Amino acid sequence: MKSVIETIYSPCSGTVEKVLTKESSHVYEWERLFLIKTNDGKLEEVKVGISGYITSLQVQPGEKVNEYEELAKIKDDFIITGCD
């Protein structure tokens, strides 16, 4: 089966409050992966619509990020799943 690595980007500028996953961890579709406190004080949840394994994390809590900055990479497992 073909391997596909997807990049997870920040949806906003702000500060990484929490990283809710680890490298090599399996994550499900729409699972919360990061919490980012925006520059105007709102808390933004980062989720993606694919499941798979985190292959790399590019940020740590406390780091400043810009909109569209790379947060992590995920290897798609092509399994249709879900997360509540």
PDB file of N, CA and C in Angstrom:
ATOM      1  N   MET A   1       0.834  -1.177   0.000  1.00  0.00           N
ATOM      2  CA  MET A   1       0.000   0.000   0.000  1.00  0.00           C
ATOM      3  C   MET A   1       0.880   1.243   0.000  1.00  0.00           C
ATOM      4  N   LYS A   2       0.444   2.242  -0.715  1.00  0.00           N
ATOM      5  CA  LYS A   2       1.167   3.499  -0.826  1.00  0.00           C
ATOM      6  C   LYS A   2       1.178   4.239   0.516  1.00  0.00           C
ATOM      7  N   SER A   3       2.304   4.834   0.856  1.00  0.00           N
ATOM      8  CA  SER A   3       2.440   5.593   2.093  1.00  0.00           C
ATOM      9  C   SER A   3       2.220   7.079   1.799  1.00  0.00           C
ATOM     10  N   VAL A   4       1.376   7.730   2.595  1.00  0.00           N
ATOM     11  CA  VAL A   4       1.109   9.152   2.423  1.00  0.00           C
ATOM     12  C   VAL A   4       1.374   9.869   3.742  1.00  0.00           C
ATOM     13  N   ILE A   5       2.256  10.854   3.672  1.00  0.00           N
ATOM     14  CA  ILE A   5       2.567  11.684   4.832  1.00  0.00           C
ATOM     15  C   ILE A   5       1.898  13.036   4.613  1.00  0.00           C
ATOM     16  N   GLU A   6       1.060  13.435   5.566  1.00  0.00           N
ATOM     17  CA  GLU A   6       0.363  14.719   5.493  1.00  0.00           C
ATOM     18  C   GLU A   6       0.974  15.677   6.517  1.00  0.00           C
ATOM     19  N   THR A   7       0.957  16.957   6.193  1.00  0.00           N
ATOM     20  CA  THR A   7       1.442  17.984   7.106  1.00  0.00           C
ATOM     21  C   THR A   7       0.260  18.615   7.822  1.00  0.00           C
ATOM     22  N   ILE A   8       0.415  18.830   9.120  1.00  0.00           N
ATOM     23  CA  ILE A   8      -0.601  19.514   9.923  1.00  0.00           C
ATOM     24  C   ILE A   8      -0.103  20.941  10.134  1.00  0.00           C
ATOM     25  N   TYR A   9      -0.934  21.907   9.715  1.00  0.00           N
ATOM     26  CA  TYR A   9      -0.565  23.320   9.798  1.00  0.00           C
ATOM     27  C   TYR A   9      -1.369  24.032  10.876  1.00  0.00           C
ATOM     28  N   SER A  10      -0.807  25.101  11.406  1.00  0.00           N
ATOM     29  CA  SER A  10      -1.512  25.915  12.385  1.00  0.00           C
ATOM     30  C   SER A  10      -2.617  26.710  11.685  1.00  0.00           C
ATOM     31  N   PRO A  11      -3.816  26.712  12.263  1.00  0.00           N
ATOM     32  CA  PRO A  11      -4.907  27.473  11.665  1.00  0.00           C
ATOM     33  C   PRO A  11      -4.869  28.960  12.022  1.00  0.00           C
ATOM     34  N   CYS A  12      -3.945  29.334  12.923  1.00  0.00           N
ATOM     35  CA  CYS A  12      -3.906  30.716  13.403  1.00  0.00           C
ATOM     36  C   CYS A  12      -2.517  31.062  13.938  1.00  0.00           C
ATOM     37  N   SER A  13      -2.312  32.333  14.206  1.00  0.00           N
ATOM     38  CA  SER A  13      -1.090  32.784  14.876  1.00  0.00           C
ATOM     39  C   SER A  13      -1.353  32.824  16.372  1.00  0.00           C
ATOM     40  N   GLY A  14      -0.333  32.505  17.157  1.00  0.00           N
ATOM     41  CA  GLY A  14      -0.490  32.527  18.609  1.00  0.00           C
ATOM     42  C   GLY A  14       0.610  31.744  19.289  1.00  0.00           C
ATOM     43  N   THR A  15       0.282  31.202  20.465  1.00  0.00           N
ATOM     44  CA  THR A  15       1.230  30.453  21.280  1.00  0.00           C
ATOM     45  C   THR A  15       0.686  29.049  21.518  1.00  0.00           C
ATOM     46  N   VAL A  16       1.540  28.047  21.337  1.00  0.00           N
ATOM     47  CA  VAL A  16       1.142  26.660  21.579  1.00  0.00           C
ATOM     48  C   VAL A  16       0.950  26.489  23.084  1.00  0.00           C
ATOM     49  N   GLU A  17      -0.281  26.201  23.491  1.00  0.00           N
ATOM     50  CA  GLU A  17      -0.590  25.993  24.902  1.00  0.00           C
ATOM     51  C   GLU A  17      -0.325  24.545  25.312  1.00  0.00           C
ATOM     52  N   LYS A  18      -0.795  23.604  24.485  1.00  0.00           N
ATOM     53  CA  LYS A  18      -0.612  22.186  24.789  1.00  0.00           C
ATOM     54  C   LYS A  18      -0.379  21.398  23.515  1.00  0.00           C
ATOM     55  N   VAL A  19       0.471  20.385  23.624  1.00  0.00           N
ATOM     56  CA  VAL A  19       0.649  19.385  22.578  1.00  0.00           C
ATOM     57  C   VAL A  19       0.023  18.118  23.152  1.00  0.00           C
ATOM     58  N   LEU A  20      -1.061  17.650  22.533  1.00  0.00           N
ATOM     59  CA  LEU A  20      -1.855  16.558  23.092  1.00  0.00           C
ATOM     60  C   LEU A  20      -1.530  15.200  22.480  1.00  0.00           C
ATOM     61  N   THR A  21      -0.412  15.110  21.797  1.00  0.00           N
ATOM     62  CA  THR A  21       0.027  13.858  21.189  1.00  0.00           C
ATOM     63  C   THR A  21       1.535  13.752  21.313  1.00  0.00           C
ATOM     64  N   LYS A  22       2.067  12.599  20.931  1.00  0.00           N
ATOM     65  CA  LYS A  22       3.517  12.362  20.957  1.00  0.00           C
ATOM     66  C   LYS A  22       3.942  11.783  19.617  1.00  0.00           C
ATOM     67  N   GLU A  23       5.215  11.925  19.315  1.00  0.00           N
ATOM     68  CA  GLU A  23       5.741  11.309  18.106  1.00  0.00           C
ATOM     69  C   GLU A  23       5.545   9.791  18.188  1.00  0.00           C
ATOM     70  N   SER A  24       5.176   9.184  17.090  1.00  0.00           N
ATOM     71  CA  SER A  24       4.896   7.752  16.937  1.00  0.00           C
ATOM     72  C   SER A  24       3.527   7.339  17.477  1.00  0.00           C
ATOM     73  N   SER A  25       2.775   8.266  18.059  1.00  0.00           N
ATOM     74  CA  SER A  25       1.440   7.945  18.566  1.00  0.00           C
ATOM     75  C   SER A  25       0.448   7.793  17.424  1.00  0.00           C
ATOM     76  N   HIS A  26      -0.523   6.892  17.615  1.00  0.00           N
ATOM     77  CA  HIS A  26      -1.630   6.772  16.671  1.00  0.00           C
ATOM     78  C   HIS A  26      -2.703   7.772  17.075  1.00  0.00           C
ATOM     79  N   VAL A  27      -3.232   8.517  16.102  1.00  0.00           N
ATOM     80  CA  VAL A  27      -4.303   9.474  16.368  1.00  0.00           C
ATOM     81  C   VAL A  27      -5.485   9.162  15.458  1.00  0.00           C
ATOM     82  N   TYR A  28      -6.672   9.523  15.926  1.00  0.00           N
ATOM     83  CA  TYR A  28      -7.903   9.286  15.195  1.00  0.00           C
ATOM     84  C   TYR A  28      -8.378  10.564  14.509  1.00  0.00           C
ATOM     85  N   GLU A  29      -9.260  10.387  13.510  1.00  0.00           N
ATOM     86  CA  GLU A  29      -9.855  11.533  12.838  1.00  0.00           C
ATOM     87  C   GLU A  29     -10.498  12.458  13.862  1.00  0.00           C
ATOM     88  N   TRP A  30     -10.274  13.749  13.712  1.00  0.00           N
ATOM     89  CA  TRP A  30     -10.884  14.810  14.519  1.00  0.00           C
ATOM     90  C   TRP A  30     -10.493  14.764  15.994  1.00  0.00           C
ATOM     91  N   GLU A  31      -9.448  14.014  16.330  1.00  0.00           N
ATOM     92  CA  GLU A  31      -8.917  14.030  17.695  1.00  0.00           C
ATOM     93  C   GLU A  31      -8.165  15.351  17.899  1.00  0.00           C
ATOM     94  N   ARG A  32      -8.299  15.924  19.090  1.00  0.00           N
ATOM     95  CA  ARG A  32      -7.559  17.162  19.389  1.00  0.00           C
ATOM     96  C   ARG A  32      -6.072  16.839  19.473  1.00  0.00           C
ATOM     97  N   LEU A  33      -5.263  17.602  18.729  1.00  0.00           N
ATOM     98  CA  LEU A  33      -3.821  17.362  18.697  1.00  0.00           C
ATOM     99  C   LEU A  33      -3.034  18.480  19.370  1.00  0.00           C
ATOM    100  N   PHE A  34      -3.509  19.707  19.212  1.00  0.00           N
ATOM    101  CA  PHE A  34      -2.836  20.885  19.769  1.00  0.00           C
ATOM    102  C   PHE A  34      -3.880  21.872  20.253  1.00  0.00           C
ATOM    103  N   LEU A  35      -3.496  22.673  21.257  1.00  0.00           N
ATOM    104  CA  LEU A  35      -4.277  23.831  21.677  1.00  0.00           C
ATOM    105  C   LEU A  35      -3.390  25.047  21.479  1.00  0.00           C
ATOM    106  N   ILE A  36      -3.912  26.032  20.759  1.00  0.00           N
ATOM    107  CA  ILE A  36      -3.156  27.252  20.476  1.00  0.00           C
ATOM    108  C   ILE A  36      -3.941  28.443  21.003  1.00  0.00           C
ATOM    109  N   LYS A  37      -3.281  29.262  21.805  1.00  0.00           N
ATOM    110  CA  LYS A  37      -3.892  30.498  22.292  1.00  0.00           C
ATOM    111  C   LYS A  37      -3.597  31.576  21.258  1.00  0.00           C
ATOM    112  N   THR A  38      -4.654  32.086  20.632  1.00  0.00           N
ATOM    113  CA  THR A  38      -4.479  33.075  19.569  1.00  0.00           C
ATOM    114  C   THR A  38      -3.991  34.396  20.143  1.00  0.00           C
ATOM    115  N   ASN A  39      -3.548  35.270  19.254  1.00  0.00           N
ATOM    116  CA  ASN A  39      -3.046  36.577  19.684  1.00  0.00           C
ATOM    117  C   ASN A  39      -4.124  37.433  20.342  1.00  0.00           C
ATOM    118  N   ASP A  40      -5.410  37.123  20.077  1.00  0.00           N
ATOM    119  CA  ASP A  40      -6.489  37.874  20.727  1.00  0.00           C
ATOM    120  C   ASP A  40      -7.069  37.128  21.934  1.00  0.00           C
ATOM    121  N   GLY A  41      -6.368  36.068  22.405  1.00  0.00           N
ATOM    122  CA  GLY A  41      -6.719  35.404  23.656  1.00  0.00           C
ATOM    123  C   GLY A  41      -7.652  34.210  23.557  1.00  0.00           C
ATOM    124  N   LYS A  42      -8.119  33.860  22.359  1.00  0.00           N
ATOM    125  CA  LYS A  42      -9.008  32.706  22.213  1.00  0.00           C
ATOM    126  C   LYS A  42      -8.197  31.420  22.168  1.00  0.00           C
ATOM    127  N   LEU A  43      -8.801  30.306  22.600  1.00  0.00           N
ATOM    128  CA  LEU A  43      -8.140  29.006  22.562  1.00  0.00           C
ATOM    129  C   LEU A  43      -8.641  28.238  21.342  1.00  0.00           C
ATOM    130  N   GLU A  44      -7.740  27.911  20.433  1.00  0.00           N
ATOM    131  CA  GLU A  44      -8.066  27.230  19.181  1.00  0.00           C
ATOM    132  C   GLU A  44      -7.620  25.776  19.267  1.00  0.00           C
ATOM    133  N   GLU A  45      -8.539  24.834  18.968  1.00  0.00           N
ATOM    134  CA  GLU A  45      -8.199  23.414  18.934  1.00  0.00           C
ATOM    135  C   GLU A  45      -7.748  23.054  17.522  1.00  0.00           C
ATOM    136  N   VAL A  46      -6.676  22.266  17.424  1.00  0.00           N
ATOM    137  CA  VAL A  46      -6.210  21.804  16.117  1.00  0.00           C
ATOM    138  C   VAL A  46      -6.559  20.328  15.992  1.00  0.00           C
ATOM    139  N   LYS A  47      -7.350  19.997  14.965  1.00  0.00           N
ATOM    140  CA  LYS A  47      -7.789  18.633  14.665  1.00  0.00           C
ATOM    141  C   LYS A  47      -7.619  18.429  13.163  1.00  0.00           C
ATOM    142  N   VAL A  48      -7.490  17.176  12.741  1.00  0.00           N
ATOM    143  CA  VAL A  48      -7.419  16.876  11.311  1.00  0.00           C
ATOM    144  C   VAL A  48      -8.359  15.728  10.979  1.00  0.00           C
ATOM    145  N   GLY A  49      -8.773  15.654   9.739  1.00  0.00           N
ATOM    146  CA  GLY A  49      -9.743  14.664   9.304  1.00  0.00           C
ATOM    147  C   GLY A  49      -9.143  13.379   8.797  1.00  0.00           C
ATOM    148  N   ILE A  50      -7.972  13.003   9.319  1.00  0.00           N
ATOM    149  CA  ILE A  50      -7.358  11.725   8.960  1.00  0.00           C
ATOM    150  C   ILE A  50      -6.855  11.045  10.224  1.00  0.00           C
ATOM    151  N   SER A  51      -6.721   9.725  10.148  1.00  0.00           N
ATOM    152  CA  SER A  51      -6.126   8.980  11.253  1.00  0.00           C
ATOM    153  C   SER A  51      -4.787   8.430  10.789  1.00  0.00           C
ATOM    154  N   GLY A  52      -3.911   8.182  11.731  1.00  0.00           N
ATOM    155  CA  GLY A  52      -2.602   7.647  11.386  1.00  0.00           C
ATOM    156  C   GLY A  52      -1.615   7.833  12.514  1.00  0.00           C
ATOM    157  N   TYR A  53      -0.337   7.777  12.158  1.00  0.00           N
ATOM    158  CA  TYR A  53       0.736   7.870  13.147  1.00  0.00           C
ATOM    159  C   TYR A  53       1.493   9.179  12.989  1.00  0.00           C
ATOM    160  N   ILE A  54       1.725   9.865  14.108  1.00  0.00           N
ATOM    161  CA  ILE A  54       2.501  11.101  14.101  1.00  0.00           C
ATOM    162  C   ILE A  54       3.949  10.730  13.818  1.00  0.00           C
ATOM    163  N   THR A  55       4.500  11.256  12.740  1.00  0.00           N
ATOM    164  CA  THR A  55       5.890  10.937  12.386  1.00  0.00           C
ATOM    165  C   THR A  55       6.870  11.991  12.877  1.00  0.00           C
ATOM    166  N   SER A  56       6.392  13.218  13.092  1.00  0.00           N
ATOM    167  CA  SER A  56       7.267  14.252  13.649  1.00  0.00           C
ATOM    168  C   SER A  56       6.430  15.374  14.245  1.00  0.00           C
ATOM    169  N   LEU A  57       6.945  15.963  15.301  1.00  0.00           N
ATOM    170  CA  LEU A  57       6.354  17.139  15.927  1.00  0.00           C
ATOM    171  C   LEU A  57       7.325  18.298  15.740  1.00  0.00           C
ATOM    172  N   GLN A  58       6.824  19.429  15.292  1.00  0.00           N
ATOM    173  CA  GLN A  58       7.682  20.574  15.005  1.00  0.00           C
ATOM    174  C   GLN A  58       7.620  21.655  16.082  1.00  0.00           C
ATOM    175  N   VAL A  59       6.669  21.551  17.013  1.00  0.00           N
ATOM    176  CA  VAL A  59       6.492  22.591  18.030  1.00  0.00           C
ATOM    177  C   VAL A  59       6.381  21.988  19.420  1.00  0.00           C
ATOM    178  N   GLN A  60       6.603  22.855  20.408  1.00  0.00           N
ATOM    179  CA  GLN A  60       6.487  22.482  21.818  1.00  0.00           C
ATOM    180  C   GLN A  60       5.630  23.531  22.522  1.00  0.00           C
ATOM    181  N   PRO A  61       5.068  23.194  23.679  1.00  0.00           N
ATOM    182  CA  PRO A  61       4.297  24.183  24.432  1.00  0.00           C
ATOM    183  C   PRO A  61       5.136  25.436  24.712  1.00  0.00           C
ATOM    184  N   GLY A  62       4.482  26.582  24.586  1.00  0.00           N
ATOM    185  CA  GLY A  62       5.153  27.861  24.824  1.00  0.00           C
ATOM    186  C   GLY A  62       5.718  28.499  23.573  1.00  0.00           C
ATOM    187  N   GLU A  63       5.798  27.744  22.494  1.00  0.00           N
ATOM    188  CA  GLU A  63       6.344  28.265  21.242  1.00  0.00           C
ATOM    189  C   GLU A  63       5.338  29.138  20.521  1.00  0.00           C
ATOM    190  N   LYS A  64       5.819  30.223  19.927  1.00  0.00           N
ATOM    191  CA  LYS A  64       4.991  31.080  19.087  1.00  0.00           C
ATOM    192  C   LYS A  64       4.891  30.442  17.709  1.00  0.00           C
ATOM    193  N   VAL A  65       3.694  30.500  17.121  1.00  0.00           N
ATOM    194  CA  VAL A  65       3.486  29.987  15.774  1.00  0.00           C
ATOM    195  C   VAL A  65       2.731  31.012  14.952  1.00  0.00           C
ATOM    196  N   ASN A  66       2.904  30.922  13.649  1.00  0.00           N
ATOM    197  CA  ASN A  66       2.183  31.760  12.710  1.00  0.00           C
ATOM    198  C   ASN A  66       1.151  30.919  11.984  1.00  0.00           C
ATOM    199  N   GLU A  67       0.146  31.577  11.430  1.00  0.00           N
ATOM    200  CA  GLU A  67      -0.854  30.877  10.642  1.00  0.00           C
ATOM    201  C   GLU A  67      -0.162  30.140   9.501  1.00  0.00           C
ATOM    202  N   TYR A  68      -0.578  28.925   9.242  1.00  0.00           N
ATOM    203  CA  TYR A  68      -0.047  28.032   8.202  1.00  0.00           C
ATOM    204  C   TYR A  68       1.357  27.490   8.507  1.00  0.00           C
ATOM    205  N   GLU A  69       1.850  27.685   9.724  1.00  0.00           N
ATOM    206  CA  GLU A  69       3.147  27.113  10.105  1.00  0.00           C
ATOM    207  C   GLU A  69       2.975  25.620  10.384  1.00  0.00           C
ATOM    208  N   GLU A  70       3.975  24.840  10.013  1.00  0.00           N
ATOM    209  CA  GLU A  70       3.916  23.389  10.219  1.00  0.00           C
ATOM    210  C   GLU A  70       3.992  23.051  11.702  1.00  0.00           C
ATOM    211  N   LEU A  71       3.020  22.227  12.151  1.00  0.00           N
ATOM    212  CA  LEU A  71       3.002  21.773  13.537  1.00  0.00           C
ATOM    213  C   LEU A  71       3.506  20.340  13.664  1.00  0.00           C
ATOM    214  N   ALA A  72       3.135  19.493  12.698  1.00  0.00           N
ATOM    215  CA  ALA A  72       3.487  18.074  12.761  1.00  0.00           C
ATOM    216  C   ALA A  72       3.278  17.435  11.399  1.00  0.00           C
ATOM    217  N   LYS A  73       3.722  16.183  11.304  1.00  0.00           N
ATOM    218  CA  LYS A  73       3.459  15.355  10.128  1.00  0.00           C
ATOM    219  C   LYS A  73       2.797  14.073  10.613  1.00  0.00           C
ATOM    220  N   ILE A  74       1.876  13.560   9.785  1.00  0.00           N
ATOM    221  CA  ILE A  74       1.140  12.354  10.132  1.00  0.00           C
ATOM    222  C   ILE A  74       1.143  11.413   8.933  1.00  0.00           C
ATOM    223  N   LYS A  75       1.400  10.133   9.211  1.00  0.00           N
ATOM    224  CA  LYS A  75       1.354   9.103   8.169  1.00  0.00           C
ATOM    225  C   LYS A  75      -0.056   8.529   8.167  1.00  0.00           C
ATOM    226  N   ASP A  76      -0.778   8.782   7.091  1.00  0.00           N
ATOM    227  CA  ASP A  76      -2.171   8.345   6.969  1.00  0.00           C
ATOM    228  C   ASP A  76      -2.244   6.823   6.962  1.00  0.00           C
ATOM    229  N   ASP A  77      -3.145   6.263   7.801  1.00  0.00           N
ATOM    230  CA  ASP A  77      -3.302   4.804   7.829  1.00  0.00           C
ATOM    231  C   ASP A  77      -4.466   4.329   6.954  1.00  0.00           C
ATOM    232  N   PHE A  78      -5.168   5.276   6.328  1.00  0.00           N
ATOM    233  CA  PHE A  78      -6.270   4.978   5.403  1.00  0.00           C
ATOM    234  C   PHE A  78      -7.392   4.174   6.044  1.00  0.00           C
ATOM    235  N   ILE A  79      -7.533   4.259   7.363  1.00  0.00           N
ATOM    236  CA  ILE A  79      -8.617   3.568   8.068  1.00  0.00           C
ATOM    237  C   ILE A  79      -9.650   4.621   8.462  1.00  0.00           C
ATOM    238  N   ILE A  80     -10.882   4.390   8.095  1.00  0.00           N
ATOM    239  CA  ILE A  80     -11.946   5.312   8.442  1.00  0.00           C
ATOM    240  C   ILE A  80     -12.303   5.082   9.905  1.00  0.00           C
ATOM    241  N   THR A  81     -12.067   6.100  10.711  1.00  0.00           N
ATOM    242  CA  THR A  81     -12.337   6.023  12.143  1.00  0.00           C
ATOM    243  C   THR A  81     -13.012   7.308  12.581  1.00  0.00           C
ATOM    244  N   GLY A  82     -13.158   7.482  13.856  1.00  0.00           N
ATOM    245  CA  GLY A  82     -13.726   8.705  14.383  1.00  0.00           C
ATOM    246  C   GLY A  82     -13.327   8.900  15.824  1.00  0.00           C
ATOM    247  N   CYS A  83     -13.530  10.092  16.293  1.00  0.00           N
ATOM    248  CA  CYS A  83     -13.213  10.419  17.686  1.00  0.00           C
ATOM    249  C   CYS A  83     -14.332  11.296  18.205  1.00  0.00           C
ATOM    250  N   ASP A  84     -14.794  11.035  19.410  1.00  0.00           N
ATOM    251  CA  ASP A  84     -15.861  11.846  20.002  1.00  0.00           C
ATOM    252  C   ASP A  84     -15.307  13.120  20.575  1.00  0.00           C
TER     253      ASP A  84
END
